[in-house]
């Protein structure tokens, strides 16, 4: 009996170690891929289309990686990176095109086999991230939908050790960007992201202006009149 327990324990140890190595390798490879193909918040889809092997290899490795919510940083980093890579993959598979919306079911129909799941992009955003970590609206500033209306994609992978600072940095960049938050005295126009996901930003008695001001250097006035400008679905490609 003791021998059986020992064998099981050793097998489990090696399984966990192998998964950790796979996950670390995934983050490192994702970082290299993004550094090569992302420039100033835009993606070189044409170059990836001409040489898709690196992306295909990344997504193939993601199929067998296992993450759990109990290890929140690894879980979040894995699914944020995977979402962004799958968006790029979806564009590349249909390139050239002008917008992700040119592809029917791009976000809610097309399923991918990753992380032991068979899921859509919307599933990753809504079921795996927002549903499990409903108190953190910063996901909206790092999940990049391939449209210019989204906060820009960065040329780095999100990693567990730096995730919190990366989430803060990207949220601050978006909310201090004059193109993203458009202020004219007390009239403020904001992205439709805030309209679509109102509940994420209005928690614990705070309203949308409170949330935005948490990350802004120049605060919005208390009497701000907020409206929403149309979302720009134009493809975020390198020109």
Protein backbone atom coordinates (compact mmCIF):
# COMPACT_ATOMS: atom_id res chain seq x y z
CA UNK A 1 0.00 0.00 0.00
CA UNK A 2 2.81 2.41 0.95
CA UNK A 3 4.58 1.66 -2.34
CA UNK A 4 1.40 2.45 -4.28
CA UNK A 5 0.93 5.77 -2.46
CA UNK A 6 4.58 6.65 -3.07
CA UNK A 7 4.30 5.88 -6.78
CA UNK A 8 1.14 8.00 -7.05
CA UNK A 9 2.82 10.88 -5.18
CA UNK A 10 5.91 10.74 -7.39
CA UNK A 11 3.79 10.59 -10.55
CA UNK A 12 1.74 13.57 -9.40
CA UNK A 13 4.91 15.53 -8.61
CA UNK A 14 6.34 14.95 -12.07
CA UNK A 15 2.99 15.78 -13.68
CA UNK A 16 2.78 19.09 -11.80
CA UNK A 17 6.42 19.89 -12.57
CA UNK A 18 5.95 19.12 -16.27
CA UNK A 19 2.85 21.33 -16.45
CA UNK A 20 4.71 24.18 -14.71
CA UNK A 21 7.55 23.87 -17.22
CA UNK A 22 5.07 23.86 -20.11
CA UNK A 23 3.36 26.95 -18.71
CA UNK A 24 6.62 28.85 -18.22
CA UNK A 25 7.72 27.91 -21.72
CA UNK A 26 4.35 29.09 -23.06
CA UNK A 27 4.75 32.49 -21.44
CA UNK A 28 8.32 32.84 -22.71
CA UNK A 29 7.41 31.82 -26.26
CA UNK A 30 4.36 34.09 -26.26
CA UNK A 31 6.56 36.98 -25.17
CA UNK A 32 8.99 36.35 -28.04
CA UNK A 33 6.15 36.02 -30.56
CA UNK A 34 4.51 39.29 -29.51
CA UNK A 35 7.81 41.17 -29.47
CA UNK A 36 8.36 40.13 -33.07
CA UNK A 37 4.87 40.82 -34.41
CA UNK A 38 3.41 43.70 -32.36
CA UNK A 39 4.44 47.31 -32.87
CA UNK A 40 2.89 50.32 -31.15
CA UNK A 41 -0.33 48.49 -30.32
CA UNK A 42 -0.77 47.02 -33.79
CA UNK A 43 -0.26 43.51 -35.13
CA UNK A 44 1.61 42.50 -38.28
CA UNK A 45 -1.00 40.01 -39.45
CA UNK A 46 0.47 39.83 -42.94
CA UNK A 47 3.86 38.65 -41.63
CA UNK A 48 2.19 36.03 -39.43
CA UNK A 49 0.06 34.87 -42.35
CA UNK A 50 3.21 34.39 -44.42
CA UNK A 51 4.93 32.48 -41.62
CA UNK A 52 2.30 30.97 -39.28
CA UNK A 53 4.41 28.21 -37.70
CA UNK A 54 5.29 30.04 -34.47
CA UNK A 55 1.67 30.88 -33.71
CA UNK A 56 0.50 27.39 -34.61
CA UNK A 57 3.13 25.91 -32.30
CA UNK A 58 2.08 28.19 -29.43
CA UNK A 59 -1.58 27.30 -29.72
CA UNK A 60 -0.76 23.61 -30.08
CA UNK A 61 1.20 23.73 -26.81
CA UNK A 62 -1.73 25.52 -25.13
CA UNK A 63 -4.00 22.54 -25.74
CA UNK A 64 -2.37 20.43 -23.03
CA UNK A 65 -1.72 23.13 -20.42
CA UNK A 66 -3.85 22.90 -17.29
CA UNK A 67 -4.56 25.88 -15.02
CA UNK A 68 -6.92 26.27 -12.08
CA UNK A 69 -8.49 29.27 -10.36
CA UNK A 70 -6.75 28.27 -7.12
CA UNK A 71 -3.53 29.50 -8.73
CA UNK A 72 -5.06 32.79 -9.81
CA UNK A 73 -2.02 34.49 -11.34
CA UNK A 74 -1.07 31.57 -13.57
CA UNK A 75 -4.72 31.07 -14.50
CA UNK A 76 -5.34 34.69 -15.40
CA UNK A 77 -2.05 35.13 -17.27
CA UNK A 78 -2.64 31.97 -19.27
CA UNK A 79 -6.15 32.90 -20.36
CA UNK A 80 -5.34 36.56 -21.12
CA UNK A 81 -2.43 35.55 -23.35
CA UNK A 82 -4.44 32.75 -24.93
CA UNK A 83 -7.36 35.05 -25.70
CA UNK A 84 -5.08 37.53 -27.45
CA UNK A 85 -3.29 34.80 -29.40
CA UNK A 86 -6.57 33.22 -30.49
CA UNK A 87 -7.83 36.60 -31.70
CA UNK A 88 -4.66 36.99 -33.76
CA UNK A 89 -5.09 33.44 -35.05
CA UNK A 90 -8.69 34.12 -36.03
CA UNK A 91 -7.66 37.19 -37.99
CA UNK A 92 -4.74 35.44 -39.68
CA UNK A 93 -6.96 32.54 -40.73
CA UNK A 94 -9.26 34.98 -42.53
CA UNK A 95 -6.72 37.60 -43.62
CA UNK A 96 -6.94 39.94 -45.45
CA UNK A 97 -10.01 41.57 -43.89
CA UNK A 98 -10.99 44.95 -42.51
CA UNK A 99 -12.53 43.98 -39.18
CA UNK A 100 -13.01 40.93 -36.93
CA UNK A 101 -16.74 41.46 -37.44
CA UNK A 102 -16.25 40.50 -41.09
CA UNK A 103 -16.04 36.91 -39.80
CA UNK A 104 -19.40 35.51 -38.70
CA UNK A 105 -19.27 34.13 -35.16
CA UNK A 106 -15.72 35.36 -34.61
CA UNK A 107 -16.26 35.84 -30.87
CA UNK A 108 -19.22 33.64 -30.01
CA UNK A 109 -19.37 30.70 -32.45
CA UNK A 110 -15.86 29.65 -33.43
CA UNK A 111 -14.54 27.15 -30.88
CA UNK A 112 -10.91 26.46 -29.98
CA UNK A 113 -9.31 23.56 -28.16
CA UNK A 114 -7.08 25.11 -25.50
CA UNK A 115 -6.33 24.54 -21.83
CA UNK A 116 -8.29 21.32 -21.86
CA UNK A 117 -11.40 23.22 -22.95
CA UNK A 118 -13.36 23.52 -26.19
CA UNK A 119 -14.41 27.14 -26.02
CA UNK A 120 -15.13 30.41 -27.81
CA UNK A 121 -13.42 33.76 -27.26
CA UNK A 122 -16.49 34.99 -25.40
CA UNK A 123 -16.27 31.95 -23.14
CA UNK A 124 -12.72 32.88 -22.15
CA UNK A 125 -13.69 36.46 -21.39
CA UNK A 126 -17.03 35.89 -19.69
CA UNK A 127 -16.99 32.38 -18.22
CA UNK A 128 -13.34 31.84 -17.35
CA UNK A 129 -12.16 35.33 -16.41
CA UNK A 130 -15.05 37.67 -15.58
CA UNK A 131 -17.20 35.02 -13.90
CA UNK A 132 -14.36 33.77 -11.71
CA UNK A 133 -12.86 37.17 -10.91
CA UNK A 134 -15.84 39.49 -11.04
CA UNK A 135 -14.24 42.10 -8.78
CA UNK A 136 -11.48 42.89 -11.29
CA UNK A 137 -12.60 45.01 -14.28
CA UNK A 138 -8.99 45.51 -15.42
CA UNK A 139 -9.39 42.51 -17.76
CA UNK A 140 -11.17 44.85 -20.17
CA UNK A 141 -7.92 46.72 -20.79
CA UNK A 142 -5.78 43.69 -21.63
CA UNK A 143 -8.12 41.47 -23.66
CA UNK A 144 -7.65 42.78 -27.19
CA UNK A 145 -10.40 42.18 -29.76
CA UNK A 146 -8.38 43.13 -32.90
CA UNK A 147 -10.31 46.39 -33.28
CA UNK A 148 -8.85 49.87 -32.87
CA UNK A 149 -11.59 50.60 -30.33
CA UNK A 150 -9.92 48.17 -27.92
CA UNK A 151 -7.07 49.27 -25.69
CA UNK A 152 -3.88 48.45 -27.62
CA UNK A 153 -2.19 45.08 -27.46
CA UNK A 154 1.27 45.13 -25.89
CA UNK A 155 4.42 43.55 -27.28
CA UNK A 156 4.86 41.37 -24.21
CA UNK A 157 3.27 38.36 -22.63
CA UNK A 158 1.35 38.70 -19.39
CA UNK A 159 3.25 36.74 -16.77
CA UNK A 160 2.20 35.69 -13.26
CA UNK A 161 5.08 37.50 -11.57
CA UNK A 162 4.25 40.83 -13.23
CA UNK A 163 0.52 40.43 -13.89
CA UNK A 164 -0.83 42.85 -11.30
CA UNK A 165 1.51 45.65 -12.37
CA UNK A 166 0.75 44.95 -16.05
CA UNK A 167 -3.01 45.10 -15.40
CA UNK A 168 -2.58 48.40 -13.56
CA UNK A 169 -0.30 49.84 -16.23
CA UNK A 170 -2.65 49.03 -19.11
CA UNK A 171 -5.68 50.30 -17.22
CA UNK A 172 -3.95 53.57 -16.41
CA UNK A 173 -2.77 53.99 -20.01
CA UNK A 174 -6.28 53.52 -21.36
CA UNK A 175 -8.00 55.79 -18.84
CA UNK A 176 -5.43 58.57 -19.31
CA UNK A 177 -5.59 58.35 -23.12
CA UNK A 178 -7.38 61.36 -24.62
CA UNK A 179 -8.63 59.19 -27.48
CA UNK A 180 -10.14 56.64 -25.10
CA UNK A 181 -11.59 59.05 -22.52
CA UNK A 182 -12.64 62.22 -24.36
CA UNK A 183 -13.11 65.17 -22.03
CA UNK A 184 -14.65 68.54 -22.87
CA UNK A 185 -15.12 70.38 -19.57
CA UNK A 186 -17.77 68.31 -17.78
CA UNK A 187 -18.84 66.40 -20.90
CA UNK A 188 -17.08 63.06 -21.09
CA UNK A 189 -17.32 60.57 -23.93
CA UNK A 190 -16.11 57.08 -23.15
CA UNK A 191 -15.74 53.77 -24.96
CA UNK A 192 -18.78 51.52 -25.34
CA UNK A 193 -16.81 49.00 -23.28
CA UNK A 194 -18.14 50.91 -20.27
CA UNK A 195 -21.69 50.65 -21.58
CA UNK A 196 -21.52 46.94 -22.38
CA UNK A 197 -20.02 45.99 -19.02
CA UNK A 198 -21.46 48.65 -16.73
CA UNK A 199 -21.73 46.33 -13.73
CA UNK A 200 -18.02 45.54 -13.81
CA UNK A 201 -17.13 49.18 -13.27
CA UNK A 202 -19.87 50.14 -10.82
CA UNK A 203 -19.25 48.09 -7.71
CA UNK A 204 -19.44 48.68 -3.97
CA UNK A 205 -21.38 51.91 -4.34
CA UNK A 206 -18.97 53.47 -6.86
CA UNK A 207 -20.10 54.83 -10.20
CA UNK A 208 -18.27 54.89 -13.53
CA UNK A 209 -16.64 58.27 -12.90
CA UNK A 210 -15.32 56.97 -9.56
CA UNK A 211 -13.77 53.99 -11.32
CA UNK A 212 -12.16 56.08 -14.06
CA UNK A 213 -10.80 58.59 -11.54
CA UNK A 214 -9.13 55.79 -9.59
CA UNK A 215 -6.64 55.47 -12.46
CA UNK A 216 -6.60 58.97 -13.96
CA UNK A 217 -3.93 61.58 -13.27
CA UNK A 218 -6.27 64.45 -14.19
CA UNK A 219 -9.55 63.57 -12.50
CA UNK A 220 -12.92 63.90 -14.19
CA UNK A 221 -15.17 66.52 -12.57
CA UNK A 222 -17.79 65.25 -10.12
CA UNK A 223 -20.59 66.64 -12.30
CA UNK A 224 -19.37 64.83 -15.42
CA UNK A 225 -22.02 64.04 -18.00
CA UNK A 226 -21.00 60.71 -19.50
CA UNK A 227 -21.94 59.47 -22.97
CA UNK A 228 -20.55 56.76 -25.24
CA UNK A 229 -18.86 57.13 -28.60
CA UNK A 230 -19.21 54.40 -31.28
CA UNK A 231 -16.80 51.49 -31.04
CA UNK A 232 -14.16 51.36 -33.77
CA UNK A 233 -13.96 47.80 -35.14
CA UNK A 234 -11.34 48.71 -37.77
CA UNK A 235 -8.59 46.09 -37.75
CA UNK A 236 -5.59 46.94 -35.55
CA UNK A 237 -3.03 45.94 -38.16
CA UNK A 238 0.41 47.32 -38.86
CA UNK A 239 0.23 49.55 -41.91
